[in-house]
């Protein structure tokens, strides 16, 4: 895959990104270092055959994972809880720079098919001598409670990702 061009701030605004300052308490940032090369970590974030092994909190499965990996391409996943409840999430890729960065929108689908509150995800992959420092940034949440709920889910997913990478 060739790197795609970087989206400018003007293009972000035109695409609906919020220009107002973000309240820090409504922004989630998680950093993890994985014992795997950056190209592999990027690959397991962008290919459904890998995502199904780690995406979602521990105990969840991913019975449906569809993504059109290009700027403007849509993605949609179904996370299935241990109790059998489906959680559909979806978004649109805004920027893809292999193997450095992914920028995409993220929103729950409500049971009536409407989209919930949309956040912007930025995931960066930095090479650290054969390891990969991943920084996940998700903003802006409607509340601190919502941010903290996602923190728990993403930390659990990152634990699963580390386990999956150790076997890859």
C-alpha atoms as a PDB file:
ATOM      1  CA  UNK A   1       0.000   0.000   0.000  1.00  0.00           C
ATOM      2  CA  UNK A   2       1.296   3.463  -0.880  1.00  0.00           C
ATOM      3  CA  UNK A   3       1.105   6.224   1.720  1.00  0.00           C
ATOM      4  CA  UNK A   4      -1.886   8.460   1.157  1.00  0.00           C
ATOM      5  CA  UNK A   5      -1.536  12.199   1.264  1.00  0.00           C
ATOM      6  CA  UNK A   6      -1.916  14.006   4.551  1.00  0.00           C
ATOM      7  CA  UNK A   7      -5.250  15.716   5.093  1.00  0.00           C
ATOM      8  CA  UNK A   8      -4.874  19.429   5.847  1.00  0.00           C
ATOM      9  CA  UNK A   9      -6.569  21.246   8.731  1.00  0.00           C
ATOM     10  CA  UNK A  10      -8.805  23.006   6.194  1.00  0.00           C
ATOM     11  CA  UNK A  11      -9.897  19.654   4.778  1.00  0.00           C
ATOM     12  CA  UNK A  12     -10.556  18.359   8.284  1.00  0.00           C
ATOM     13  CA  UNK A  13     -12.781  21.345   8.981  1.00  0.00           C
ATOM     14  CA  UNK A  14     -14.581  20.880   5.681  1.00  0.00           C
ATOM     15  CA  UNK A  15     -15.122  17.227   6.592  1.00  0.00           C
ATOM     16  CA  UNK A  16     -16.824  18.267   9.817  1.00  0.00           C
ATOM     17  CA  UNK A  17     -14.003  18.211  12.362  1.00  0.00           C
ATOM     18  CA  UNK A  18     -14.674  20.474  15.318  1.00  0.00           C
ATOM     19  CA  UNK A  19     -12.518  23.617  15.328  1.00  0.00           C
ATOM     20  CA  UNK A  20     -13.202  24.466  18.983  1.00  0.00           C
ATOM     21  CA  UNK A  21     -10.561  23.638  21.601  1.00  0.00           C
ATOM     22  CA  UNK A  22     -11.004  20.200  23.125  1.00  0.00           C
ATOM     23  CA  UNK A  23     -11.559  19.919  26.871  1.00  0.00           C
ATOM     24  CA  UNK A  24      -8.704  17.694  28.090  1.00  0.00           C
ATOM     25  CA  UNK A  25     -10.992  15.695  30.386  1.00  0.00           C
ATOM     26  CA  UNK A  26     -13.009  14.577  27.343  1.00  0.00           C
ATOM     27  CA  UNK A  27      -9.999  13.267  25.399  1.00  0.00           C
ATOM     28  CA  UNK A  28      -8.643   9.739  25.741  1.00  0.00           C
ATOM     29  CA  UNK A  29      -4.956   9.038  25.134  1.00  0.00           C
ATOM     30  CA  UNK A  30      -3.442   5.585  25.582  1.00  0.00           C
ATOM     31  CA  UNK A  31       0.192   4.733  24.867  1.00  0.00           C
ATOM     32  CA  UNK A  32       1.558   1.209  24.646  1.00  0.00           C
ATOM     33  CA  UNK A  33       4.829  -0.248  23.423  1.00  0.00           C
ATOM     34  CA  UNK A  34       4.551  -3.597  21.651  1.00  0.00           C
ATOM     35  CA  UNK A  35       7.395  -6.049  21.096  1.00  0.00           C
ATOM     36  CA  UNK A  36       6.727  -6.215  17.365  1.00  0.00           C
ATOM     37  CA  UNK A  37       7.835  -4.253  14.308  1.00  0.00           C
ATOM     38  CA  UNK A  38       5.782  -1.251  13.293  1.00  0.00           C
ATOM     39  CA  UNK A  39       4.794  -2.777   9.932  1.00  0.00           C
ATOM     40  CA  UNK A  40       3.248  -5.782  11.706  1.00  0.00           C
ATOM     41  CA  UNK A  41       1.375  -3.699  14.288  1.00  0.00           C
ATOM     42  CA  UNK A  42      -0.024  -1.500  11.502  1.00  0.00           C
ATOM     43  CA  UNK A  43      -1.045  -4.608   9.567  1.00  0.00           C
ATOM     44  CA  UNK A  44      -2.966  -6.150  12.463  1.00  0.00           C
ATOM     45  CA  UNK A  45      -4.841  -2.829  12.865  1.00  0.00           C
ATOM     46  CA  UNK A  46      -5.842  -2.711   9.189  1.00  0.00           C
ATOM     47  CA  UNK A  47      -6.666  -6.263   8.108  1.00  0.00           C
ATOM     48  CA  UNK A  48      -9.905  -7.987   9.192  1.00  0.00           C
ATOM     49  CA  UNK A  49      -8.279 -11.424   9.422  1.00  0.00           C
ATOM     50  CA  UNK A  50      -6.120 -10.006  12.230  1.00  0.00           C
ATOM     51  CA  UNK A  51      -8.646  -7.648  13.857  1.00  0.00           C
ATOM     52  CA  UNK A  52     -10.990 -10.544  14.651  1.00  0.00           C
ATOM     53  CA  UNK A  53      -8.356 -11.932  17.043  1.00  0.00           C
ATOM     54  CA  UNK A  54      -7.944  -8.930  19.321  1.00  0.00           C
ATOM     55  CA  UNK A  55     -10.418  -6.087  18.672  1.00  0.00           C
ATOM     56  CA  UNK A  56     -12.799  -5.457  21.552  1.00  0.00           C
ATOM     57  CA  UNK A  57     -12.635  -5.964  25.299  1.00  0.00           C
ATOM     58  CA  UNK A  58     -11.579  -9.341  26.700  1.00  0.00           C
ATOM     59  CA  UNK A  59     -14.348 -11.899  26.314  1.00  0.00           C
ATOM     60  CA  UNK A  60     -15.824 -10.176  23.255  1.00  0.00           C
ATOM     61  CA  UNK A  61     -15.671 -11.607  19.748  1.00  0.00           C
ATOM     62  CA  UNK A  62     -15.820  -9.839  16.398  1.00  0.00           C
ATOM     63  CA  UNK A  63     -18.243 -11.823  14.200  1.00  0.00           C
ATOM     64  CA  UNK A  64     -18.416  -9.064  11.578  1.00  0.00           C
ATOM     65  CA  UNK A  65     -15.518  -6.857  10.480  1.00  0.00           C
ATOM     66  CA  UNK A  66     -15.676  -4.881   7.253  1.00  0.00           C
ATOM     67  CA  UNK A  67     -13.374  -2.077   6.214  1.00  0.00           C
ATOM     68  CA  UNK A  68     -12.571  -0.138   3.082  1.00  0.00           C
ATOM     69  CA  UNK A  69      -9.036   0.998   3.896  1.00  0.00           C
ATOM     70  CA  UNK A  70      -8.746   4.279   2.004  1.00  0.00           C
ATOM     71  CA  UNK A  71      -9.448   7.919   2.823  1.00  0.00           C
ATOM     72  CA  UNK A  72     -13.232   8.229   2.631  1.00  0.00           C
ATOM     73  CA  UNK A  73     -13.658   4.464   2.999  1.00  0.00           C
ATOM     74  CA  UNK A  74     -16.121   3.177   5.557  1.00  0.00           C
ATOM     75  CA  UNK A  75     -15.602   0.566   8.257  1.00  0.00           C
ATOM     76  CA  UNK A  76     -18.159  -1.299  10.398  1.00  0.00           C
ATOM     77  CA  UNK A  77     -17.663  -3.923  13.101  1.00  0.00           C
ATOM     78  CA  UNK A  78     -19.904  -5.965  15.363  1.00  0.00           C
ATOM     79  CA  UNK A  79     -18.515  -6.718  18.805  1.00  0.00           C
ATOM     80  CA  UNK A  80     -20.358  -9.559  20.527  1.00  0.00           C
ATOM     81  CA  UNK A  81     -20.322  -9.537  24.339  1.00  0.00           C
ATOM     82  CA  UNK A  82     -19.935 -12.735  26.390  1.00  0.00           C
ATOM     83  CA  UNK A  83     -23.663 -12.390  27.191  1.00  0.00           C
ATOM     84  CA  UNK A  84     -24.530 -12.373  23.478  1.00  0.00           C
ATOM     85  CA  UNK A  85     -25.277  -8.652  23.071  1.00  0.00           C
ATOM     86  CA  UNK A  86     -24.198  -7.062  19.790  1.00  0.00           C
ATOM     87  CA  UNK A  87     -22.394  -3.718  19.800  1.00  0.00           C
ATOM     88  CA  UNK A  88     -22.076  -2.262  16.314  1.00  0.00           C
ATOM     89  CA  UNK A  89     -19.488   0.446  15.675  1.00  0.00           C
ATOM     90  CA  UNK A  90     -18.689   2.277  12.486  1.00  0.00           C
ATOM     91  CA  UNK A  91     -16.774   5.132  10.961  1.00  0.00           C
ATOM     92  CA  UNK A  92     -14.926   6.551   7.998  1.00  0.00           C
ATOM     93  CA  UNK A  93     -11.188   6.625   7.359  1.00  0.00           C
ATOM     94  CA  UNK A  94      -9.901  10.180   7.053  1.00  0.00           C
ATOM     95  CA  UNK A  95      -6.159   9.589   6.739  1.00  0.00           C
ATOM     96  CA  UNK A  96      -3.943   6.553   6.187  1.00  0.00           C
ATOM     97  CA  UNK A  97      -0.163   6.809   6.182  1.00  0.00           C
ATOM     98  CA  UNK A  98       1.281   3.296   6.190  1.00  0.00           C
ATOM     99  CA  UNK A  99       2.842   2.301   8.587  1.00  0.00           C
ATOM    100  CA  UNK A 100       2.738   5.534  10.611  1.00  0.00           C
ATOM    101  CA  UNK A 101      -0.806   6.734  11.214  1.00  0.00           C
ATOM    102  CA  UNK A 102      -4.526   6.010  10.963  1.00  0.00           C
ATOM    103  CA  UNK A 103      -7.184   8.683  11.408  1.00  0.00           C
ATOM    104  CA  UNK A 104     -10.839   7.675  11.389  1.00  0.00           C
ATOM    105  CA  UNK A 105     -14.195   8.489  12.891  1.00  0.00           C
ATOM    106  CA  UNK A 106     -15.729   6.151  15.483  1.00  0.00           C
ATOM    107  CA  UNK A 107     -19.390   5.906  16.522  1.00  0.00           C
ATOM    108  CA  UNK A 108     -21.699   3.341  18.101  1.00  0.00           C
ATOM    109  CA  UNK A 109     -24.751   2.330  16.116  1.00  0.00           C
ATOM    110  CA  UNK A 110     -27.922   2.616  18.156  1.00  0.00           C
ATOM    111  CA  UNK A 111     -30.444  -0.227  18.124  1.00  0.00           C
ATOM    112  CA  UNK A 112     -32.670   1.788  15.773  1.00  0.00           C
ATOM    113  CA  UNK A 113     -29.801   2.045  13.251  1.00  0.00           C
ATOM    114  CA  UNK A 114     -28.937   5.681  13.960  1.00  0.00           C
ATOM    115  CA  UNK A 115     -25.400   6.690  14.817  1.00  0.00           C
ATOM    116  CA  UNK A 116     -24.413   7.714  18.291  1.00  0.00           C
ATOM    117  CA  UNK A 117     -21.939  10.432  19.221  1.00  0.00           C
ATOM    118  CA  UNK A 118     -18.978  10.464  16.841  1.00  0.00           C
ATOM    119  CA  UNK A 119     -15.383  10.752  17.990  1.00  0.00           C
ATOM    120  CA  UNK A 120     -12.179  11.095  16.009  1.00  0.00           C
ATOM    121  CA  UNK A 121      -9.536   8.398  16.443  1.00  0.00           C
ATOM    122  CA  UNK A 122      -5.884   8.984  15.686  1.00  0.00           C
ATOM    123  CA  UNK A 123      -3.598   5.978  16.039  1.00  0.00           C
ATOM    124  CA  UNK A 124       0.131   6.488  15.506  1.00  0.00           C
ATOM    125  CA  UNK A 125       2.771   3.791  15.180  1.00  0.00           C
ATOM    126  CA  UNK A 126       6.339   4.855  16.047  1.00  0.00           C
ATOM    127  CA  UNK A 127       9.332   2.609  15.459  1.00  0.00           C
ATOM    128  CA  UNK A 128      11.452   2.113  18.559  1.00  0.00           C
ATOM    129  CA  UNK A 129      14.302  -0.142  17.540  1.00  0.00           C
ATOM    130  CA  UNK A 130      12.170  -3.041  16.336  1.00  0.00           C
ATOM    131  CA  UNK A 131       9.402  -2.393  18.844  1.00  0.00           C
ATOM    132  CA  UNK A 132       6.379  -0.190  18.228  1.00  0.00           C
ATOM    133  CA  UNK A 133       5.092   2.636  20.373  1.00  0.00           C
ATOM    134  CA  UNK A 134       1.382   2.949  19.645  1.00  0.00           C
ATOM    135  CA  UNK A 135      -0.476   6.086  20.670  1.00  0.00           C
ATOM    136  CA  UNK A 136      -4.263   5.992  20.518  1.00  0.00           C
ATOM    137  CA  UNK A 137      -6.121   9.295  20.800  1.00  0.00           C
ATOM    138  CA  UNK A 138      -9.920   9.440  20.796  1.00  0.00           C
ATOM    139  CA  UNK A 139     -11.788  12.743  21.080  1.00  0.00           C
ATOM    140  CA  UNK A 140     -14.064  14.418  21.946  1.00  0.00           C
ATOM    141  CA  UNK A 141     -16.288  12.473  24.316  1.00  0.00           C
ATOM    142  CA  UNK A 142     -19.586  13.822  25.573  1.00  0.00           C
ATOM    143  CA  UNK A 143     -18.574  13.127  29.189  1.00  0.00           C
ATOM    144  CA  UNK A 144     -15.758  11.935  31.405  1.00  0.00           C
ATOM    145  CA  UNK A 145     -17.832   8.830  32.192  1.00  0.00           C
ATOM    146  CA  UNK A 146     -18.024   7.985  28.478  1.00  0.00           C
ATOM    147  CA  UNK A 147     -14.265   8.585  28.082  1.00  0.00           C
ATOM    148  CA  UNK A 148     -13.506   6.285  31.018  1.00  0.00           C
ATOM    149  CA  UNK A 149     -15.767   3.571  29.619  1.00  0.00           C
ATOM    150  CA  UNK A 150     -13.751   3.646  26.400  1.00  0.00           C
ATOM    151  CA  UNK A 151     -10.475   3.695  28.338  1.00  0.00           C
ATOM    152  CA  UNK A 152     -11.384   0.353  29.913  1.00  0.00           C
ATOM    153  CA  UNK A 153     -12.403  -1.152  26.574  1.00  0.00           C
ATOM    154  CA  UNK A 154      -9.335   0.067  24.706  1.00  0.00           C
ATOM    155  CA  UNK A 155      -6.934  -1.018  27.467  1.00  0.00           C
ATOM    156  CA  UNK A 156      -8.474  -4.483  27.382  1.00  0.00           C
ATOM    157  CA  UNK A 157      -8.148  -4.521  23.576  1.00  0.00           C
ATOM    158  CA  UNK A 158      -4.499  -3.428  23.836  1.00  0.00           C
ATOM    159  CA  UNK A 159      -3.831  -6.315  26.243  1.00  0.00           C
ATOM    160  CA  UNK A 160      -5.392  -8.699  23.707  1.00  0.00           C
ATOM    161  CA  UNK A 161      -3.359  -7.083  20.905  1.00  0.00           C
ATOM    162  CA  UNK A 162      -0.104  -7.666  22.829  1.00  0.00           C
ATOM    163  CA  UNK A 163      -1.047 -11.318  23.315  1.00  0.00           C
ATOM    164  CA  UNK A 164      -1.917 -11.696  19.637  1.00  0.00           C
ATOM    165  CA  UNK A 165       1.319 -10.034  18.486  1.00  0.00           C
ATOM    166  CA  UNK A 166       3.339 -12.383  20.715  1.00  0.00           C
ATOM    167  CA  UNK A 167       1.937 -15.308  18.672  1.00  0.00           C
ATOM    168  CA  UNK A 168       2.217 -13.640  15.234  1.00  0.00           C
END
